[in-house]
Amino acid sequence: MYKFDFGWFMWGVVILIIGILIIRFHMKIADSLASGVSSYNKTKLFGMIVCGLGFLLITNLHTNIILFIMHLILPNKF
């Protein structure tokens, strides 16, 4: 059952902003923390994954996904 939660909404917004900043400054991040030009696309991909996680948290769908996976692993417990 879907239930909106303002706390998860705020955490999702924070994580989404972090993902946007990673995408925006991917060249500087890759130069500083990774191997430079060869990892520009990997850094942008990581930023997109973080943005997707932020959207999941904003909509509070992560709990449904976690419960679905737990039901697949332990069908009689949840």
PDB file of N, CA and C in Angstrom:
ATOM      1  N   MET A   1       0.833  -1.178   0.000  1.00  0.00           N
ATOM      2  CA  MET A   1       0.000   0.000   0.000  1.00  0.00           C
ATOM      3  C   MET A   1       0.878   1.242   0.000  1.00  0.00           C
ATOM      4  N   TYR A   2       0.565   2.187  -0.873  1.00  0.00           N
ATOM      5  CA  TYR A   2       1.367   3.394  -0.989  1.00  0.00           C
ATOM      6  C   TYR A   2       1.001   4.384   0.110  1.00  0.00           C
ATOM      7  N   LYS A   3       2.026   4.959   0.723  1.00  0.00           N
ATOM      8  CA  LYS A   3       1.818   5.967   1.756  1.00  0.00           C
ATOM      9  C   LYS A   3       2.877   7.049   1.583  1.00  0.00           C
ATOM     10  N   PHE A   4       2.439   8.293   1.442  1.00  0.00           N
ATOM     11  CA  PHE A   4       3.377   9.400   1.289  1.00  0.00           C
ATOM     12  C   PHE A   4       3.998   9.731   2.635  1.00  0.00           C
ATOM     13  N   ASP A   5       5.306   9.948   2.620  1.00  0.00           N
ATOM     14  CA  ASP A   5       6.025  10.301   3.840  1.00  0.00           C
ATOM     15  C   ASP A   5       6.899  11.511   3.547  1.00  0.00           C
ATOM     16  N   PHE A   6       6.681  12.591   4.274  1.00  0.00           N
ATOM     17  CA  PHE A   6       7.406  13.838   4.025  1.00  0.00           C
ATOM     18  C   PHE A   6       8.898  13.694   4.326  1.00  0.00           C
ATOM     19  N   GLY A   7       9.255  12.886   5.300  1.00  0.00           N
ATOM     20  CA  GLY A   7      10.668  12.678   5.628  1.00  0.00           C
ATOM     21  C   GLY A   7      11.431  12.044   4.477  1.00  0.00           C
ATOM     22  N   TRP A   8      10.865  10.977   3.883  1.00  0.00           N
ATOM     23  CA  TRP A   8      11.510  10.345   2.735  1.00  0.00           C
ATOM     24  C   TRP A   8      11.526  11.281   1.544  1.00  0.00           C
ATOM     25  N   PHE A   9      10.502  12.134   1.418  1.00  0.00           N
ATOM     26  CA  PHE A   9      10.479  13.122   0.339  1.00  0.00           C
ATOM     27  C   PHE A   9      11.664  14.071   0.454  1.00  0.00           C
ATOM     28  N   MET A  10      11.934  14.550   1.655  1.00  0.00           N
ATOM     29  CA  MET A  10      13.056  15.476   1.851  1.00  0.00           C
ATOM     30  C   MET A  10      14.394  14.787   1.605  1.00  0.00           C
ATOM     31  N   TRP A  11      14.564  13.541   2.097  1.00  0.00           N
ATOM     32  CA  TRP A  11      15.795  12.799   1.826  1.00  0.00           C
ATOM     33  C   TRP A  11      15.970  12.569   0.333  1.00  0.00           C
ATOM     34  N   GLY A  12      14.876  12.298  -0.361  1.00  0.00           N
ATOM     35  CA  GLY A  12      14.938  12.106  -1.808  1.00  0.00           C
ATOM     36  C   GLY A  12      15.363  13.365  -2.543  1.00  0.00           C
ATOM     37  N   VAL A  13      14.875  14.503  -2.093  1.00  0.00           N
ATOM     38  CA  VAL A  13      15.268  15.774  -2.707  1.00  0.00           C
ATOM     39  C   VAL A  13      16.756  16.023  -2.489  1.00  0.00           C
ATOM     40  N   VAL A  14      17.251  15.751  -1.279  1.00  0.00           N
ATOM     41  CA  VAL A  14      18.673  15.936  -0.993  1.00  0.00           C
ATOM     42  C   VAL A  14      19.525  15.029  -1.875  1.00  0.00           C
ATOM     43  N   ILE A  15      19.153  13.764  -1.997  1.00  0.00           N
ATOM     44  CA  ILE A  15      19.911  12.823  -2.824  1.00  0.00           C
ATOM     45  C   ILE A  15      19.811  13.197  -4.301  1.00  0.00           C
ATOM     46  N   LEU A  16      18.667  13.687  -4.738  1.00  0.00           N
ATOM     47  CA  LEU A  16      18.514  14.135  -6.116  1.00  0.00           C
ATOM     48  C   LEU A  16      19.420  15.328  -6.405  1.00  0.00           C
ATOM     49  N   ILE A  17      19.518  16.254  -5.489  1.00  0.00           N
ATOM     50  CA  ILE A  17      20.411  17.407  -5.662  1.00  0.00           C
ATOM     51  C   ILE A  17      21.862  16.960  -5.728  1.00  0.00           C
ATOM     52  N   ILE A  18      22.245  15.988  -4.901  1.00  0.00           N
ATOM     53  CA  ILE A  18      23.611  15.451  -4.950  1.00  0.00           C
ATOM     54  C   ILE A  18      23.874  14.816  -6.318  1.00  0.00           C
ATOM     55  N   GLY A  19      22.914  14.059  -6.834  1.00  0.00           N
ATOM     56  CA  GLY A  19      23.069  13.451  -8.153  1.00  0.00           C
ATOM     57  C   GLY A  19      23.197  14.487  -9.252  1.00  0.00           C
ATOM     58  N   ILE A  20      22.416  15.555  -9.173  1.00  0.00           N
ATOM     59  CA  ILE A  20      22.504  16.623 -10.167  1.00  0.00           C
ATOM     60  C   ILE A  20      23.866  17.304 -10.101  1.00  0.00           C
ATOM     61  N   LEU A  21      24.379  17.513  -8.897  1.00  0.00           N
ATOM     62  CA  LEU A  21      25.698  18.128  -8.756  1.00  0.00           C
ATOM     63  C   LEU A  21      26.800  17.211  -9.301  1.00  0.00           C
ATOM     64  N   ILE A  22      26.644  15.899  -9.113  1.00  0.00           N
ATOM     65  CA  ILE A  22      27.624  14.960  -9.676  1.00  0.00           C
ATOM     66  C   ILE A  22      27.607  15.042 -11.195  1.00  0.00           C
ATOM     67  N   ILE A  23      26.428  15.106 -11.791  1.00  0.00           N
ATOM     68  CA  ILE A  23      26.338  15.201 -13.250  1.00  0.00           C
ATOM     69  C   ILE A  23      26.881  16.539 -13.732  1.00  0.00           C
ATOM     70  N   ARG A  24      26.584  17.597 -13.014  1.00  0.00           N
ATOM     71  CA  ARG A  24      27.031  18.929 -13.418  1.00  0.00           C
ATOM     72  C   ARG A  24      28.549  19.062 -13.377  1.00  0.00           C
ATOM     73  N   PHE A  25      29.191  18.537 -12.348  1.00  0.00           N
ATOM     74  CA  PHE A  25      30.628  18.679 -12.166  1.00  0.00           C
ATOM     75  C   PHE A  25      31.358  17.354 -12.379  1.00  0.00           C
ATOM     76  N   HIS A  26      30.884  16.545 -13.331  1.00  0.00           N
ATOM     77  CA  HIS A  26      31.466  15.216 -13.516  1.00  0.00           C
ATOM     78  C   HIS A  26      32.919  15.273 -13.962  1.00  0.00           C
ATOM     79  N   MET A  27      33.308  16.275 -14.713  1.00  0.00           N
ATOM     80  CA  MET A  27      34.697  16.353 -15.175  1.00  0.00           C
ATOM     81  C   MET A  27      35.657  16.620 -14.028  1.00  0.00           C
ATOM     82  N   LYS A  28      35.296  17.551 -13.161  1.00  0.00           N
ATOM     83  CA  LYS A  28      36.167  17.862 -12.022  1.00  0.00           C
ATOM     84  C   LYS A  28      36.235  16.689 -11.045  1.00  0.00           C
ATOM     85  N   ILE A  29      35.101  16.023 -10.845  1.00  0.00           N
ATOM     86  CA  ILE A  29      35.078  14.869  -9.944  1.00  0.00           C
ATOM     87  C   ILE A  29      35.921  13.730 -10.520  1.00  0.00           C
ATOM     88  N   ALA A  30      35.781  13.487 -11.821  1.00  0.00           N
ATOM     89  CA  ALA A  30      36.545  12.403 -12.447  1.00  0.00           C
ATOM     90  C   ALA A  30      38.039  12.716 -12.457  1.00  0.00           C
ATOM     91  N   ASP A  31      38.391  13.962 -12.671  1.00  0.00           N
ATOM     92  CA  ASP A  31      39.808  14.330 -12.649  1.00  0.00           C
ATOM     93  C   ASP A  31      40.396  14.191 -11.256  1.00  0.00           C
ATOM     94  N   SER A  32      39.612  14.521 -10.236  1.00  0.00           N
ATOM     95  CA  SER A  32      40.130  14.506  -8.868  1.00  0.00           C
ATOM     96  C   SER A  32      40.102  13.122  -8.233  1.00  0.00           C
ATOM     97  N   LEU A  33      39.024  12.375  -8.441  1.00  0.00           N
ATOM     98  CA  LEU A  33      38.836  11.125  -7.710  1.00  0.00           C
ATOM     99  C   LEU A  33      39.033   9.864  -8.560  1.00  0.00           C
ATOM    100  N   ALA A  34      38.912   9.997  -9.867  1.00  0.00           N
ATOM    101  CA  ALA A  34      39.016   8.809 -10.719  1.00  0.00           C
ATOM    102  C   ALA A  34      40.220   8.974 -11.655  1.00  0.00           C
ATOM    103  N   SER A  35      40.204   8.263 -12.756  1.00  0.00           N
ATOM    104  CA  SER A  35      41.363   8.258 -13.645  1.00  0.00           C
ATOM    105  C   SER A  35      41.274   9.286 -14.764  1.00  0.00           C
ATOM    106  N   GLY A  36      40.490  10.307 -14.598  1.00  0.00           N
ATOM    107  CA  GLY A  36      40.450  11.399 -15.565  1.00  0.00           C
ATOM    108  C   GLY A  36      39.485  11.167 -16.705  1.00  0.00           C
ATOM    109  N   VAL A  37      39.957  11.466 -17.935  1.00  0.00           N
ATOM    110  CA  VAL A  37      39.105  11.465 -19.122  1.00  0.00           C
ATOM    111  C   VAL A  37      38.442  10.113 -19.359  1.00  0.00           C
ATOM    112  N   SER A  38      39.123   9.044 -19.036  1.00  0.00           N
ATOM    113  CA  SER A  38      38.568   7.717 -19.309  1.00  0.00           C
ATOM    114  C   SER A  38      37.373   7.382 -18.422  1.00  0.00           C
ATOM    115  N   SER A  39      37.144   8.137 -17.387  1.00  0.00           N
ATOM    116  CA  SER A  39      36.033   7.816 -16.487  1.00  0.00           C
ATOM    117  C   SER A  39      34.971   8.911 -16.435  1.00  0.00           C
ATOM    118  N   TYR A  40      34.950   9.815 -17.425  1.00  0.00           N
ATOM    119  CA  TYR A  40      33.908  10.849 -17.456  1.00  0.00           C
ATOM    120  C   TYR A  40      32.514  10.231 -17.567  1.00  0.00           C
ATOM    121  N   ASN A  41      32.348   9.290 -18.478  1.00  0.00           N
ATOM    122  CA  ASN A  41      31.032   8.671 -18.673  1.00  0.00           C
ATOM    123  C   ASN A  41      30.619   7.827 -17.479  1.00  0.00           C
ATOM    124  N   LYS A  42      31.572   7.170 -16.825  1.00  0.00           N
ATOM    125  CA  LYS A  42      31.250   6.390 -15.631  1.00  0.00           C
ATOM    126  C   LYS A  42      30.763   7.296 -14.502  1.00  0.00           C
ATOM    127  N   THR A  43      31.378   8.475 -14.384  1.00  0.00           N
ATOM    128  CA  THR A  43      30.965   9.417 -13.346  1.00  0.00           C
ATOM    129  C   THR A  43      29.569   9.958 -13.638  1.00  0.00           C
ATOM    130  N   LYS A  44      29.280  10.261 -14.915  1.00  0.00           N
ATOM    131  CA  LYS A  44      27.930  10.697 -15.269  1.00  0.00           C
ATOM    132  C   LYS A  44      26.905   9.596 -15.032  1.00  0.00           C
ATOM    133  N   LEU A  45      27.272   8.349 -15.336  1.00  0.00           N
ATOM    134  CA  LEU A  45      26.369   7.223 -15.086  1.00  0.00           C
ATOM    135  C   LEU A  45      26.075   7.089 -13.594  1.00  0.00           C
ATOM    136  N   PHE A  46      27.112   7.230 -12.760  1.00  0.00           N
ATOM    137  CA  PHE A  46      26.902   7.177 -11.319  1.00  0.00           C
ATOM    138  C   PHE A  46      25.957   8.296 -10.872  1.00  0.00           C
ATOM    139  N   GLY A  47      26.103   9.487 -11.447  1.00  0.00           N
ATOM    140  CA  GLY A  47      25.190  10.587 -11.129  1.00  0.00           C
ATOM    141  C   GLY A  47      23.759  10.285 -11.530  1.00  0.00           C
ATOM    142  N   MET A  48      23.573   9.627 -12.676  1.00  0.00           N
ATOM    143  CA  MET A  48      22.221   9.261 -13.113  1.00  0.00           C
ATOM    144  C   MET A  48      21.610   8.203 -12.198  1.00  0.00           C
ATOM    145  N   ILE A  49      22.430   7.269 -11.739  1.00  0.00           N
ATOM    146  CA  ILE A  49      21.939   6.253 -10.804  1.00  0.00           C
ATOM    147  C   ILE A  49      21.515   6.902  -9.492  1.00  0.00           C
ATOM    148  N   VAL A  50      22.304   7.871  -9.015  1.00  0.00           N
ATOM    149  CA  VAL A  50      21.951   8.580  -7.782  1.00  0.00           C
ATOM    150  C   VAL A  50      20.659   9.362  -7.977  1.00  0.00           C
ATOM    151  N   CYS A  51      20.460   9.979  -9.150  1.00  0.00           N
ATOM    152  CA  CYS A  51      19.206  10.687  -9.424  1.00  0.00           C
ATOM    153  C   CYS A  51      18.020   9.728  -9.430  1.00  0.00           C
ATOM    154  N   GLY A  52      18.201   8.547 -10.001  1.00  0.00           N
ATOM    155  CA  GLY A  52      17.129   7.549  -9.992  1.00  0.00           C
ATOM    156  C   GLY A  52      16.776   7.114  -8.583  1.00  0.00           C
ATOM    157  N   LEU A  53      17.795   6.929  -7.748  1.00  0.00           N
ATOM    158  CA  LEU A  53      17.542   6.596  -6.347  1.00  0.00           C
ATOM    159  C   LEU A  53      16.804   7.728  -5.645  1.00  0.00           C
ATOM    160  N   GLY A  54      17.168   8.958  -5.961  1.00  0.00           N
ATOM    161  CA  GLY A  54      16.464  10.110  -5.386  1.00  0.00           C
ATOM    162  C   GLY A  54      14.994  10.133  -5.772  1.00  0.00           C
ATOM    163  N   PHE A  55      14.699   9.822  -7.041  1.00  0.00           N
ATOM    164  CA  PHE A  55      13.298   9.764  -7.474  1.00  0.00           C
ATOM    165  C   PHE A  55      12.539   8.647  -6.767  1.00  0.00           C
ATOM    166  N   LEU A  56      13.191   7.509  -6.565  1.00  0.00           N
ATOM    167  CA  LEU A  56      12.536   6.426  -5.830  1.00  0.00           C
ATOM    168  C   LEU A  56      12.213   6.850  -4.398  1.00  0.00           C
ATOM    169  N   LEU A  57      13.124   7.563  -3.764  1.00  0.00           N
ATOM    170  CA  LEU A  57      12.877   8.003  -2.391  1.00  0.00           C
ATOM    171  C   LEU A  57      11.810   9.087  -2.339  1.00  0.00           C
ATOM    172  N   ILE A  58      11.799   9.990  -3.324  1.00  0.00           N
ATOM    173  CA  ILE A  58      10.782  11.049  -3.344  1.00  0.00           C
ATOM    174  C   ILE A  58       9.385  10.443  -3.436  1.00  0.00           C
ATOM    175  N   THR A  59       9.224   9.447  -4.280  1.00  0.00           N
ATOM    176  CA  THR A  59       7.899   8.842  -4.452  1.00  0.00           C
ATOM    177  C   THR A  59       7.597   7.759  -3.424  1.00  0.00           C
ATOM    178  N   ASN A  60       8.581   7.440  -2.582  1.00  0.00           N
ATOM    179  CA  ASN A  60       8.439   6.447  -1.520  1.00  0.00           C
ATOM    180  C   ASN A  60       8.144   5.056  -2.076  1.00  0.00           C
ATOM    181  N   LEU A  61       8.684   4.763  -3.244  1.00  0.00           N
ATOM    182  CA  LEU A  61       8.497   3.447  -3.846  1.00  0.00           C
ATOM    183  C   LEU A  61       9.579   2.456  -3.430  1.00  0.00           C
ATOM    184  N   HIS A  62      10.621   2.941  -2.778  1.00  0.00           N
ATOM    185  CA  HIS A  62      11.708   2.046  -2.384  1.00  0.00           C
ATOM    186  C   HIS A  62      11.237   1.003  -1.376  1.00  0.00           C
ATOM    187  N   THR A  63      10.280   1.345  -0.522  1.00  0.00           N
ATOM    188  CA  THR A  63       9.788   0.367   0.450  1.00  0.00           C
ATOM    189  C   THR A  63       9.052  -0.773  -0.242  1.00  0.00           C
ATOM    190  N   ASN A  64       8.282  -0.445  -1.292  1.00  0.00           N
ATOM    191  CA  ASN A  64       7.582  -1.494  -2.036  1.00  0.00           C
ATOM    192  C   ASN A  64       8.567  -2.417  -2.748  1.00  0.00           C
ATOM    193  N   ILE A  65       9.629  -1.855  -3.293  1.00  0.00           N
ATOM    194  CA  ILE A  65      10.638  -2.667  -3.980  1.00  0.00           C
ATOM    195  C   ILE A  65      11.354  -3.575  -2.989  1.00  0.00           C
ATOM    196  N   ILE A  66      11.721  -3.030  -1.835  1.00  0.00           N
ATOM    197  CA  ILE A  66      12.397  -3.832  -0.814  1.00  0.00           C
ATOM    198  C   ILE A  66      11.490  -4.948  -0.309  1.00  0.00           C
ATOM    199  N   LEU A  67      10.216  -4.648  -0.061  1.00  0.00           N
ATOM    200  CA  LEU A  67       9.282  -5.684   0.386  1.00  0.00           C
ATOM    201  C   LEU A  67       9.066  -6.755  -0.679  1.00  0.00           C
ATOM    202  N   PHE A  68       9.050  -6.357  -1.959  1.00  0.00           N
ATOM    203  CA  PHE A  68       8.900  -7.331  -3.042  1.00  0.00           C
ATOM    204  C   PHE A  68      10.098  -8.280  -3.084  1.00  0.00           C
ATOM    205  N   ILE A  69      11.294  -7.733  -2.951  1.00  0.00           N
ATOM    206  CA  ILE A  69      12.496  -8.571  -2.954  1.00  0.00           C
ATOM    207  C   ILE A  69      12.509  -9.485  -1.737  1.00  0.00           C
ATOM    208  N   MET A  70      12.150  -8.962  -0.578  1.00  0.00           N
ATOM    209  CA  MET A  70      12.110  -9.795   0.628  1.00  0.00           C
ATOM    210  C   MET A  70      11.059 -10.889   0.507  1.00  0.00           C
ATOM    211  N   HIS A  71       9.941 -10.593  -0.160  1.00  0.00           N
ATOM    212  CA  HIS A  71       8.911 -11.615  -0.366  1.00  0.00           C
ATOM    213  C   HIS A  71       9.412 -12.709  -1.310  1.00  0.00           C
ATOM    214  N   LEU A  72      10.239 -12.346  -2.280  1.00  0.00           N
ATOM    215  CA  LEU A  72      10.813 -13.348  -3.169  1.00  0.00           C
ATOM    216  C   LEU A  72      11.791 -14.249  -2.420  1.00  0.00           C
ATOM    217  N   ILE A  73      12.554 -13.657  -1.494  1.00  0.00           N
ATOM    218  CA  ILE A  73      13.552 -14.432  -0.760  1.00  0.00           C
ATOM    219  C   ILE A  73      12.895 -15.266   0.348  1.00  0.00           C
ATOM    220  N   LEU A  74      12.036 -14.647   1.117  1.00  0.00           N
ATOM    221  CA  LEU A  74      11.371 -15.311   2.243  1.00  0.00           C
ATOM    222  C   LEU A  74       9.845 -15.197   2.075  1.00  0.00           C
ATOM    223  N   PRO A  75       9.226 -16.062   1.287  1.00  0.00           N
ATOM    224  CA  PRO A  75       7.805 -15.867   0.930  1.00  0.00           C
ATOM    225  C   PRO A  75       6.834 -15.990   2.105  1.00  0.00           C
ATOM    226  N   ASN A  76       7.150 -16.720   3.140  1.00  0.00           N
ATOM    227  CA  ASN A  76       6.200 -16.923   4.224  1.00  0.00           C
ATOM    228  C   ASN A  76       6.380 -15.947   5.380  1.00  0.00           C
ATOM    229  N   LYS A  77       7.403 -15.107   5.313  1.00  0.00           N
ATOM    230  CA  LYS A  77       7.695 -14.214   6.439  1.00  0.00           C
ATOM    231  C   LYS A  77       7.063 -12.840   6.281  1.00  0.00           C
ATOM    232  N   PHE A  78       6.862 -12.369   5.042  1.00  0.00           N
ATOM    233  CA  PHE A  78       6.373 -11.003   4.853  1.00  0.00           C
ATOM    234  C   PHE A  78       5.028 -10.999   4.190  1.00  0.00           C
TER     235      PHE A  78
END
